[in-house]
Amino acid sequence: MSKRAIITIKALLHLLCLAPFAWLLHLFTSGALGLYADPVNYITHFTGDWTLYTLFASLAITPIRRLSPKISFLIRFRRLLGLYAFFYATLHLATYIFLFSGYDIQTAIAGLRASHPGELVTQWKIVWPRMVDDVLKRRFIQVGLLAWIILFALACTSPAFIMRAMGGKNWQRLHNLIYVAACAGIVHFWWLVKKGNYAPWKDTAILTVLLAARIVYTITKHSKKPVVTLKST
């Protein structure tokens, strides 16, 4: 595929991946978000859902491109989709920090306008003990935070120059943790919803298929390796 076509597809992917964020901004700026029964809960699930969607899209690139050499160019879009997964995961975490935890955004902004940037830190000190207590008590926050930390590490090491500095094998070992992040994200979803709510089953099924595809490919690859026999003399 030509370089121009790759650039065009990447531009379209940027637009598609930013569309959910643009929709969220539209709901906020238009005031429509306030019409929802629980706006914070809506933002939480919306950003969490799109974290999984973009993460699954990134994971699906490898098994799909293996179907035919003609679509091997798809690998060029895996990093982009992975970074958007981190983007929405960060929005998901920010929703908890700035909306659920009680961080007073209005007071912090008022402090900035009054040339008192220290108010940002003051508000952070107020909510920090509560957040630590939440992490220690709520297991769904613990596993969700684990997923975010992994995605953060992968995003920081995604540039090519870092991959060269780390070495291909070390870089690959680290980036294989994306499957751990995906599993942690699903567990986070199951533990977040109320008992009897089976909404996460669809996401679980998609991840199961993606993991199965990787396992089948690995088994098939090893089974095709030639067996070396030693001739006796």
Foldseek 3Di string as FASTA:
>chain_A
DDPVVVVVVLVVVVCVLCVLVVVVVCCVVVVVLVVDPDSLVVLLVSLLVSLLVLLLVLLVQVLVCVVDVVSVVSPVCSLVSLVSSLVSLVSNVVSCQCPVLPQDPVQCVVCVVVVNNCVNVVSCVVSVVVVVVCCVPQVLVVLSVVLNVLSVVLNVCVDPVSCVVCDVVSNVVSVVCSLVSSVSSLVSVVSPDDPPDPVSVVSVVSSVVSVVSVVVVVVVVVVPDDDDDDDDD
